[in-house]
Amino acid sequence: MAESVDFEGLVVRHYEPLYQFAFSLTREKSDACDLTQQTFCIWAAKGHQLRDISKVKTWLFTTLHREFLGSRRRQTRFPHVELEFAAAELPTVSPASVNRLDAAQLFDALAQLDEIYRGPVALFYLQDYSYNEIAEILDVPLGTVKSRLTRGLSRLHQMLADKPKP
């Protein structure tokens, strides 16, 4: 079992090549450091599951690469946008409606949403699927997914705004 591997020794032996690999992927020092550190955190949590200790290096590099790909997918799905540039796109939500909203109300409203909109909204916001994945799952064009999400969210917001106060 891999639990006999000395963690500190593992870091000393593999940090530099992992960092270099991470830097070659990210081209940013801070991102490469974060990615390398995340890889060792995953090792600390899951490394004991590795049966063949001779494959530690391969496991670390594979894990680092998977984390890199996962972070890129998240960046693609949820790009960083400065709030001041996106303010015009944000919906207007009154503080009163935020205060009275809870998860149960949201799920009730989602259940009342037309099925054509419910699927894309649930897949995107509850299951974290990308637009392309939703299009594939629902077997509809990408543009249809985007329009159904927009209309579904608009109707969901309207249902929640029109709901009487408890």
N, C-alpha and C. Protein backbone atom coordinates (compact mmCIF):
# COMPACT_ATOMS: atom_id res chain seq x y z
N MET A 1 0.83 -1.20 0.00
CA MET A 1 0.00 0.00 0.00
C MET A 1 0.87 1.25 0.00
N ALA A 2 0.34 2.34 -0.56
CA ALA A 2 1.09 3.57 -0.69
C ALA A 2 1.23 4.31 0.63
N GLU A 3 0.53 3.88 1.66
CA GLU A 3 0.62 4.58 2.93
C GLU A 3 2.01 4.49 3.53
N SER A 4 2.84 3.56 3.04
CA SER A 4 4.21 3.45 3.53
C SER A 4 5.13 4.48 2.87
N VAL A 5 4.62 5.25 1.91
CA VAL A 5 5.41 6.28 1.23
C VAL A 5 5.54 7.48 2.15
N ASP A 6 6.76 7.96 2.33
CA ASP A 6 7.02 9.14 3.15
C ASP A 6 6.57 10.38 2.38
N PHE A 7 5.57 11.08 2.91
CA PHE A 7 4.98 12.22 2.21
C PHE A 7 6.02 13.31 1.96
N GLU A 8 6.78 13.65 2.97
CA GLU A 8 7.79 14.70 2.82
C GLU A 8 8.82 14.32 1.76
N GLY A 9 9.26 13.07 1.80
CA GLY A 9 10.22 12.59 0.79
C GLY A 9 9.62 12.61 -0.61
N LEU A 10 8.35 12.27 -0.69
CA LEU A 10 7.63 12.29 -1.97
C LEU A 10 7.62 13.70 -2.55
N VAL A 11 7.34 14.68 -1.70
CA VAL A 11 7.30 16.07 -2.14
C VAL A 11 8.69 16.51 -2.60
N VAL A 12 9.70 16.18 -1.82
CA VAL A 12 11.07 16.56 -2.17
C VAL A 12 11.47 15.97 -3.52
N ARG A 13 11.14 14.70 -3.74
CA ARG A 13 11.53 14.03 -4.98
C ARG A 13 10.76 14.52 -6.21
N HIS A 14 9.48 14.85 -6.03
CA HIS A 14 8.64 15.08 -7.20
C HIS A 14 8.15 16.52 -7.39
N TYR A 15 8.41 17.41 -6.45
CA TYR A 15 7.88 18.76 -6.57
C TYR A 15 8.39 19.47 -7.82
N GLU A 16 9.69 19.48 -8.02
CA GLU A 16 10.26 20.23 -9.14
C GLU A 16 9.76 19.74 -10.50
N PRO A 17 9.80 18.42 -10.79
CA PRO A 17 9.28 18.00 -12.10
C PRO A 17 7.78 18.24 -12.25
N LEU A 18 7.02 18.09 -11.17
CA LEU A 18 5.58 18.37 -11.25
C LEU A 18 5.34 19.86 -11.51
N TYR A 19 6.09 20.70 -10.81
CA TYR A 19 5.95 22.14 -11.02
C TYR A 19 6.28 22.51 -12.47
N GLN A 20 7.36 21.95 -12.99
CA GLN A 20 7.76 22.24 -14.37
C GLN A 20 6.67 21.81 -15.35
N PHE A 21 6.08 20.65 -15.10
CA PHE A 21 4.99 20.18 -15.95
C PHE A 21 3.79 21.13 -15.84
N ALA A 22 3.45 21.51 -14.61
CA ALA A 22 2.33 22.43 -14.39
C ALA A 22 2.58 23.77 -15.07
N PHE A 23 3.82 24.26 -14.98
CA PHE A 23 4.16 25.53 -15.61
C PHE A 23 4.05 25.43 -17.13
N SER A 24 4.45 24.28 -17.68
CA SER A 24 4.34 24.10 -19.13
C SER A 24 2.88 24.10 -19.57
N LEU A 25 1.98 23.69 -18.69
CA LEU A 25 0.56 23.69 -19.02
C LEU A 25 -0.07 25.07 -18.82
N THR A 26 0.26 25.72 -17.71
CA THR A 26 -0.43 26.96 -17.35
C THR A 26 0.25 28.23 -17.83
N ARG A 27 1.55 28.21 -17.93
CA ARG A 27 2.37 29.37 -18.30
C ARG A 27 2.28 30.50 -17.28
N GLU A 28 1.85 30.19 -16.09
CA GLU A 28 1.76 31.17 -15.00
C GLU A 28 2.36 30.55 -13.75
N LYS A 29 3.29 31.27 -13.10
CA LYS A 29 3.95 30.73 -11.91
C LYS A 29 2.94 30.40 -10.80
N SER A 30 2.05 31.33 -10.53
CA SER A 30 1.11 31.13 -9.43
C SER A 30 0.15 29.96 -9.72
N ASP A 31 -0.30 29.85 -10.96
CA ASP A 31 -1.18 28.75 -11.32
C ASP A 31 -0.45 27.41 -11.24
N ALA A 32 0.82 27.41 -11.66
CA ALA A 32 1.61 26.19 -11.59
C ALA A 32 1.83 25.77 -10.13
N CYS A 33 2.10 26.74 -9.27
CA CYS A 33 2.26 26.44 -7.83
C CYS A 33 0.97 25.87 -7.26
N ASP A 34 -0.15 26.51 -7.58
CA ASP A 34 -1.45 26.05 -7.08
C ASP A 34 -1.76 24.63 -7.56
N LEU A 35 -1.50 24.38 -8.82
CA LEU A 35 -1.77 23.07 -9.41
C LEU A 35 -0.90 21.99 -8.77
N THR A 36 0.35 22.31 -8.55
CA THR A 36 1.28 21.36 -7.92
C THR A 36 0.83 21.09 -6.48
N GLN A 37 0.50 22.14 -5.77
CA GLN A 37 0.04 21.98 -4.38
C GLN A 37 -1.25 21.17 -4.34
N GLN A 38 -2.17 21.42 -5.25
CA GLN A 38 -3.42 20.68 -5.29
C GLN A 38 -3.16 19.19 -5.54
N THR A 39 -2.18 18.89 -6.38
CA THR A 39 -1.83 17.51 -6.66
C THR A 39 -1.37 16.80 -5.39
N PHE A 40 -0.53 17.47 -4.61
CA PHE A 40 -0.06 16.87 -3.36
C PHE A 40 -1.18 16.77 -2.32
N CYS A 41 -2.12 17.71 -2.35
CA CYS A 41 -3.28 17.62 -1.45
C CYS A 41 -4.12 16.39 -1.80
N ILE A 42 -4.29 16.15 -3.07
CA ILE A 42 -5.06 14.97 -3.50
C ILE A 42 -4.32 13.71 -3.11
N TRP A 43 -2.98 13.73 -3.25
CA TRP A 43 -2.18 12.57 -2.81
C TRP A 43 -2.41 12.32 -1.32
N ALA A 44 -2.38 13.39 -0.53
CA ALA A 44 -2.56 13.24 0.92
C ALA A 44 -3.91 12.61 1.25
N ALA A 45 -4.92 12.92 0.45
CA ALA A 45 -6.26 12.39 0.70
C ALA A 45 -6.49 11.01 0.09
N LYS A 46 -5.91 10.77 -1.08
CA LYS A 46 -6.25 9.54 -1.81
C LYS A 46 -5.06 8.64 -2.13
N GLY A 47 -3.86 9.09 -1.86
CA GLY A 47 -2.67 8.33 -2.23
C GLY A 47 -2.61 6.94 -1.64
N HIS A 48 -3.23 6.77 -0.49
CA HIS A 48 -3.21 5.45 0.16
C HIS A 48 -3.91 4.38 -0.68
N GLN A 49 -4.69 4.80 -1.67
CA GLN A 49 -5.42 3.85 -2.51
C GLN A 49 -4.54 3.24 -3.60
N LEU A 50 -3.38 3.83 -3.84
CA LEU A 50 -2.48 3.33 -4.87
C LEU A 50 -1.88 2.01 -4.41
N ARG A 51 -2.07 0.98 -5.19
CA ARG A 51 -1.61 -0.36 -4.81
C ARG A 51 -0.14 -0.61 -5.16
N ASP A 52 0.31 -0.05 -6.27
CA ASP A 52 1.68 -0.28 -6.74
C ASP A 52 2.50 1.00 -6.51
N ILE A 53 3.33 0.99 -5.50
CA ILE A 53 4.10 2.17 -5.11
C ILE A 53 5.04 2.62 -6.23
N SER A 54 5.44 1.72 -7.09
CA SER A 54 6.34 2.10 -8.18
C SER A 54 5.66 3.05 -9.18
N LYS A 55 4.36 3.20 -9.07
CA LYS A 55 3.61 4.06 -10.01
C LYS A 55 3.25 5.41 -9.41
N VAL A 56 3.92 5.79 -8.32
CA VAL A 56 3.62 7.06 -7.66
C VAL A 56 3.83 8.23 -8.60
N LYS A 57 4.94 8.25 -9.31
CA LYS A 57 5.25 9.36 -10.20
C LYS A 57 4.18 9.49 -11.30
N THR A 58 3.82 8.38 -11.89
CA THR A 58 2.78 8.39 -12.93
C THR A 58 1.46 8.89 -12.36
N TRP A 59 1.12 8.42 -11.17
CA TRP A 59 -0.12 8.83 -10.51
C TRP A 59 -0.12 10.34 -10.29
N LEU A 60 0.99 10.89 -9.81
CA LEU A 60 1.07 12.33 -9.55
C LEU A 60 0.92 13.14 -10.83
N PHE A 61 1.62 12.73 -11.89
CA PHE A 61 1.53 13.47 -13.15
C PHE A 61 0.14 13.36 -13.76
N THR A 62 -0.47 12.19 -13.69
CA THR A 62 -1.82 12.01 -14.21
C THR A 62 -2.81 12.87 -13.43
N THR A 63 -2.67 12.88 -12.12
CA THR A 63 -3.56 13.67 -11.27
C THR A 63 -3.40 15.16 -11.57
N LEU A 64 -2.17 15.62 -11.71
CA LEU A 64 -1.93 17.02 -12.02
C LEU A 64 -2.58 17.39 -13.36
N HIS A 65 -2.42 16.53 -14.35
CA HIS A 65 -3.00 16.81 -15.66
C HIS A 65 -4.53 16.84 -15.59
N ARG A 66 -5.11 15.93 -14.86
CA ARG A 66 -6.58 15.92 -14.72
C ARG A 66 -7.08 17.17 -14.01
N GLU A 67 -6.35 17.60 -12.99
CA GLU A 67 -6.73 18.83 -12.28
C GLU A 67 -6.63 20.04 -13.20
N PHE A 68 -5.60 20.07 -14.03
CA PHE A 68 -5.44 21.15 -15.00
C PHE A 68 -6.63 21.19 -15.95
N LEU A 69 -6.98 20.02 -16.51
CA LEU A 69 -8.11 19.96 -17.45
C LEU A 69 -9.40 20.38 -16.76
N GLY A 70 -9.60 19.93 -15.53
CA GLY A 70 -10.80 20.30 -14.78
C GLY A 70 -10.87 21.80 -14.53
N SER A 71 -9.74 22.40 -14.20
CA SER A 71 -9.73 23.85 -13.96
C SER A 71 -10.01 24.62 -15.24
N ARG A 72 -9.52 24.14 -16.37
CA ARG A 72 -9.79 24.80 -17.64
C ARG A 72 -11.26 24.69 -18.01
N ARG A 73 -11.86 23.52 -17.74
CA ARG A 73 -13.30 23.37 -18.02
C ARG A 73 -14.10 24.35 -17.16
N ARG A 74 -13.72 24.48 -15.89
CA ARG A 74 -14.43 25.42 -15.02
C ARG A 74 -14.25 26.85 -15.50
N GLN A 75 -13.05 27.20 -15.97
CA GLN A 75 -12.81 28.56 -16.46
C GLN A 75 -13.61 28.83 -17.73
N THR A 76 -13.78 27.81 -18.55
CA THR A 76 -14.56 27.96 -19.77
C THR A 76 -16.03 28.15 -19.45
N ARG A 77 -16.50 27.33 -18.50
CA ARG A 77 -17.92 27.41 -18.14
C ARG A 77 -18.25 28.65 -17.34
N PHE A 78 -17.33 29.03 -16.46
CA PHE A 78 -17.56 30.17 -15.57
C PHE A 78 -16.40 31.16 -15.70
N PRO A 79 -16.34 31.85 -16.83
CA PRO A 79 -15.22 32.78 -17.03
C PRO A 79 -15.26 33.91 -16.01
N HIS A 80 -14.07 34.39 -15.67
CA HIS A 80 -13.97 35.51 -14.74
C HIS A 80 -14.33 36.80 -15.47
N VAL A 81 -15.32 37.49 -14.96
CA VAL A 81 -15.74 38.75 -15.54
C VAL A 81 -15.83 39.76 -14.41
N GLU A 82 -15.23 40.90 -14.61
CA GLU A 82 -15.30 41.95 -13.60
C GLU A 82 -16.75 42.42 -13.48
N LEU A 83 -17.22 42.59 -12.28
CA LEU A 83 -18.60 42.95 -12.02
C LEU A 83 -19.00 44.25 -12.72
N GLU A 84 -18.11 45.20 -12.75
CA GLU A 84 -18.45 46.49 -13.36
C GLU A 84 -18.74 46.37 -14.85
N PHE A 85 -18.15 45.35 -15.52
CA PHE A 85 -18.39 45.16 -16.95
C PHE A 85 -19.64 44.32 -17.22
N ALA A 86 -20.10 43.58 -16.23
CA ALA A 86 -21.25 42.70 -16.42
C ALA A 86 -22.50 43.22 -15.74
N ALA A 87 -22.43 44.38 -15.13
CA ALA A 87 -23.56 44.90 -14.37
C ALA A 87 -24.84 45.02 -15.20
N ALA A 88 -24.70 45.36 -16.46
CA ALA A 88 -25.89 45.53 -17.32
C ALA A 88 -26.59 44.20 -17.57
N GLU A 89 -25.86 43.08 -17.48
CA GLU A 89 -26.43 41.76 -17.77
C GLU A 89 -27.08 41.12 -16.54
N LEU A 90 -26.82 41.67 -15.37
CA LEU A 90 -27.34 41.06 -14.15
C LEU A 90 -28.82 41.37 -13.98
N PRO A 91 -29.60 40.39 -13.53
CA PRO A 91 -31.02 40.65 -13.30
C PRO A 91 -31.22 41.53 -12.08
N THR A 92 -32.31 42.25 -12.08
CA THR A 92 -32.64 43.08 -10.93
C THR A 92 -33.42 42.23 -9.94
N VAL A 93 -32.87 42.09 -8.74
CA VAL A 93 -33.52 41.30 -7.70
C VAL A 93 -33.64 42.18 -6.47
N SER A 94 -34.85 42.34 -6.01
CA SER A 94 -35.05 43.20 -4.85
C SER A 94 -34.57 42.50 -3.58
N PRO A 95 -34.06 43.25 -2.63
CA PRO A 95 -33.61 42.64 -1.37
C PRO A 95 -34.72 41.87 -0.66
N ALA A 96 -35.94 42.33 -0.82
CA ALA A 96 -37.06 41.64 -0.17
C ALA A 96 -37.23 40.23 -0.73
N SER A 97 -37.06 40.06 -2.04
CA SER A 97 -37.23 38.73 -2.62
C SER A 97 -36.09 37.81 -2.23
N VAL A 98 -34.90 38.34 -2.06
CA VAL A 98 -33.76 37.53 -1.63
C VAL A 98 -33.98 37.05 -0.20
N ASN A 99 -34.48 37.92 0.64
CA ASN A 99 -34.68 37.57 2.05
C ASN A 99 -35.72 36.47 2.25
N ARG A 100 -36.69 36.38 1.36
CA ARG A 100 -37.75 35.39 1.57
C ARG A 100 -37.54 34.12 0.76
N LEU A 101 -36.48 34.05 0.02
CA LEU A 101 -36.23 32.90 -0.82
C LEU A 101 -35.44 31.84 -0.08
N ASP A 102 -35.81 30.61 -0.22
CA ASP A 102 -35.02 29.52 0.34
C ASP A 102 -34.98 28.37 -0.68
N ALA A 103 -34.19 27.37 -0.38
CA ALA A 103 -33.99 26.26 -1.33
C ALA A 103 -35.29 25.53 -1.64
N ALA A 104 -36.13 25.34 -0.65
CA ALA A 104 -37.38 24.62 -0.88
C ALA A 104 -38.26 25.37 -1.88
N GLN A 105 -38.34 26.69 -1.73
CA GLN A 105 -39.13 27.50 -2.68
C GLN A 105 -38.54 27.40 -4.08
N LEU A 106 -37.23 27.41 -4.16
CA LEU A 106 -36.58 27.32 -5.45
C LEU A 106 -36.89 26.00 -6.14
N PHE A 107 -36.79 24.89 -5.38
CA PHE A 107 -37.09 23.58 -5.97
C PHE A 107 -38.57 23.46 -6.33
N ASP A 108 -39.45 24.05 -5.53
CA ASP A 108 -40.88 24.04 -5.86
C ASP A 108 -41.11 24.80 -7.18
N ALA A 109 -40.49 25.95 -7.31
CA ALA A 109 -40.64 26.74 -8.53
C ALA A 109 -40.05 25.99 -9.73
N LEU A 110 -38.92 25.34 -9.53
CA LEU A 110 -38.30 24.58 -10.61
C LEU A 110 -39.22 23.44 -11.06
N ALA A 111 -39.89 22.81 -10.12
CA ALA A 111 -40.82 21.72 -10.46
C ALA A 111 -42.01 22.24 -11.26
N GLN A 112 -42.38 23.50 -11.07
CA GLN A 112 -43.51 24.08 -11.79
C GLN A 112 -43.11 24.62 -13.17
N LEU A 113 -41.84 24.73 -13.41
CA LEU A 113 -41.34 25.23 -14.69
C LEU A 113 -41.67 24.22 -15.79
N ASP A 114 -42.01 24.71 -16.97
CA ASP A 114 -42.30 23.82 -18.10
C ASP A 114 -41.14 22.86 -18.30
N GLU A 115 -41.46 21.63 -18.64
CA GLU A 115 -40.45 20.59 -18.79
C GLU A 115 -39.37 20.96 -19.80
N ILE A 116 -39.76 21.66 -20.84
CA ILE A 116 -38.82 22.05 -21.88
C ILE A 116 -37.70 22.94 -21.32
N TYR A 117 -37.99 23.71 -20.27
CA TYR A 117 -37.00 24.58 -19.65
C TYR A 117 -36.37 23.94 -18.41
N ARG A 118 -37.14 23.10 -17.73
CA ARG A 118 -36.68 22.49 -16.48
C ARG A 118 -35.41 21.67 -16.68
N GLY A 119 -35.36 20.87 -17.76
CA GLY A 119 -34.20 20.02 -18.01
C GLY A 119 -32.91 20.81 -18.15
N PRO A 120 -32.85 21.77 -19.07
CA PRO A 120 -31.62 22.54 -19.22
C PRO A 120 -31.22 23.31 -17.95
N VAL A 121 -32.20 23.91 -17.26
CA VAL A 121 -31.89 24.66 -16.05
C VAL A 121 -31.32 23.74 -14.97
N ALA A 122 -31.95 22.60 -14.77
CA ALA A 122 -31.48 21.65 -13.75
C ALA A 122 -30.11 21.09 -14.11
N LEU A 123 -29.91 20.74 -15.37
CA LEU A 123 -28.61 20.19 -15.78
C LEU A 123 -27.49 21.21 -15.63
N PHE A 124 -27.77 22.46 -15.95
CA PHE A 124 -26.73 23.48 -15.88
C PHE A 124 -26.44 23.90 -14.44
N TYR A 125 -27.47 24.23 -13.68
CA TYR A 125 -27.25 24.79 -12.35
C TYR A 125 -27.15 23.76 -11.23
N LEU A 126 -27.81 22.63 -11.40
CA LEU A 126 -27.77 21.64 -10.32
C LEU A 126 -26.77 20.53 -10.58
N GLN A 127 -26.50 20.22 -11.86
CA GLN A 127 -25.59 19.13 -12.18
C GLN A 127 -24.27 19.61 -12.77
N ASP A 128 -24.11 20.91 -12.98
CA ASP A 128 -22.86 21.50 -13.49
C ASP A 128 -22.44 20.99 -14.86
N TYR A 129 -23.40 20.73 -15.75
CA TYR A 129 -23.06 20.35 -17.11
C TYR A 129 -22.83 21.60 -17.95
N SER A 130 -21.96 21.50 -18.95
CA SER A 130 -21.72 22.61 -19.86
C SER A 130 -22.84 22.67 -20.90
N TYR A 131 -22.88 23.77 -21.65
CA TYR A 131 -23.87 23.90 -22.71
C TYR A 131 -23.78 22.74 -23.70
N ASN A 132 -22.54 22.43 -24.09
CA ASN A 132 -22.34 21.34 -25.07
C ASN A 132 -22.81 20.00 -24.51
N GLU A 133 -22.52 19.74 -23.25
CA GLU A 133 -22.95 18.48 -22.64
C GLU A 133 -24.47 18.41 -22.57
N ILE A 134 -25.11 19.51 -22.24
CA ILE A 134 -26.57 19.55 -22.16
C ILE A 134 -27.16 19.31 -23.55
N ALA A 135 -26.57 19.93 -24.57
CA ALA A 135 -27.06 19.73 -25.94
C ALA A 135 -26.97 18.26 -26.32
N GLU A 136 -25.88 17.61 -25.92
CA GLU A 136 -25.72 16.20 -26.23
C GLU A 136 -26.72 15.34 -25.45
N ILE A 137 -26.88 15.62 -24.17
CA ILE A 137 -27.81 14.85 -23.33
C ILE A 137 -29.24 14.97 -23.84
N LEU A 138 -29.65 16.20 -24.14
CA LEU A 138 -31.04 16.45 -24.57
C LEU A 138 -31.23 16.25 -26.07
N ASP A 139 -30.14 16.05 -26.79
CA ASP A 139 -30.18 15.85 -28.23
C ASP A 139 -30.86 17.02 -28.94
N VAL A 140 -30.40 18.24 -28.59
CA VAL A 140 -30.89 19.46 -29.22
C VAL A 140 -29.68 20.32 -29.60
N PRO A 141 -29.84 21.25 -30.53
CA PRO A 141 -28.73 22.13 -30.90
C PRO A 141 -28.28 23.03 -29.74
N LEU A 142 -27.03 23.46 -29.79
CA LEU A 142 -26.46 24.30 -28.76
C LEU A 142 -27.25 25.59 -28.57
N GLY A 143 -27.66 26.22 -29.65
CA GLY A 143 -28.44 27.45 -29.57
C GLY A 143 -29.76 27.24 -28.85
N THR A 144 -30.36 26.08 -29.03
CA THR A 144 -31.62 25.75 -28.36
C THR A 144 -31.39 25.66 -26.85
N VAL A 145 -30.28 25.05 -26.47
CA VAL A 145 -29.95 24.94 -25.03
C VAL A 145 -29.82 26.34 -24.43
N LYS A 146 -29.08 27.21 -25.11
CA LYS A 146 -28.88 28.56 -24.59
C LYS A 146 -30.19 29.33 -24.47
N SER A 147 -31.03 29.23 -25.48
CA SER A 147 -32.30 29.98 -25.43
C SER A 147 -33.23 29.40 -24.36
N ARG A 148 -33.25 28.08 -24.22
CA ARG A 148 -34.10 27.47 -23.19
C ARG A 148 -33.61 27.83 -21.79
N LEU A 149 -32.30 27.91 -21.62
CA LEU A 149 -31.77 28.33 -20.32
C LEU A 149 -32.17 29.76 -20.01
N THR A 150 -32.01 30.64 -20.99
CA THR A 150 -32.36 32.04 -20.79
C THR A 150 -33.84 32.20 -20.48
N ARG A 151 -34.69 31.56 -21.27
CA ARG A 151 -36.14 31.67 -21.06
C ARG A 151 -36.55 30.99 -19.76
N GLY A 152 -35.96 29.85 -19.48
CA GLY A 152 -36.29 29.12 -18.25
C GLY A 152 -35.92 29.92 -17.01
N LEU A 153 -34.74 30.53 -17.02
CA LEU A 153 -34.33 31.35 -15.88
C LEU A 153 -35.22 32.57 -15.72
N SER A 154 -35.60 33.15 -16.85
CA SER A 154 -36.49 34.31 -16.80
C SER A 154 -37.83 33.92 -16.18
N ARG A 155 -38.39 32.79 -16.60
CA ARG A 155 -39.68 32.34 -16.06
C ARG A 155 -39.55 31.93 -14.59
N LEU A 156 -38.44 31.31 -14.26
CA LEU A 156 -38.20 30.92 -12.86
C LEU A 156 -38.10 32.16 -11.98
N HIS A 157 -37.39 33.16 -12.45
CA HIS A 157 -37.27 34.41 -11.70
C HIS A 157 -38.64 35.07 -11.54
N GLN A 158 -39.42 35.06 -12.61
CA GLN A 158 -40.76 35.66 -12.56
C GLN A 158 -41.65 34.91 -11.56
N MET A 159 -41.58 33.58 -11.57
CA MET A 159 -42.39 32.78 -10.63
C MET A 159 -41.99 33.11 -9.20
N LEU A 160 -40.69 33.23 -8.95
CA LEU A 160 -40.23 33.50 -7.60
C LEU A 160 -40.56 34.92 -7.16
N ALA A 161 -40.52 35.87 -8.09
CA ALA A 161 -40.85 37.26 -7.78
C ALA A 161 -42.34 37.44 -7.52
N ASP A 162 -43.17 36.67 -8.24
CA ASP A 162 -44.62 36.77 -8.08
C ASP A 162 -45.17 36.00 -6.89
N LYS A 163 -44.35 35.13 -6.30
CA LYS A 163 -44.80 34.29 -5.19
C LYS A 163 -45.14 35.16 -3.97
N PRO A 164 -46.29 34.93 -3.35
CA PRO A 164 -46.66 35.74 -2.19
C PRO A 164 -45.72 35.50 -1.02
N LYS A 165 -45.55 36.51 -0.19
CA LYS A 165 -44.68 36.40 0.99
C LYS A 165 -45.29 35.41 1.98
N PRO A 166 -44.41 34.63 2.66
CA PRO A 166 -44.94 33.66 3.66
C PRO A 166 -45.48 34.35 4.88
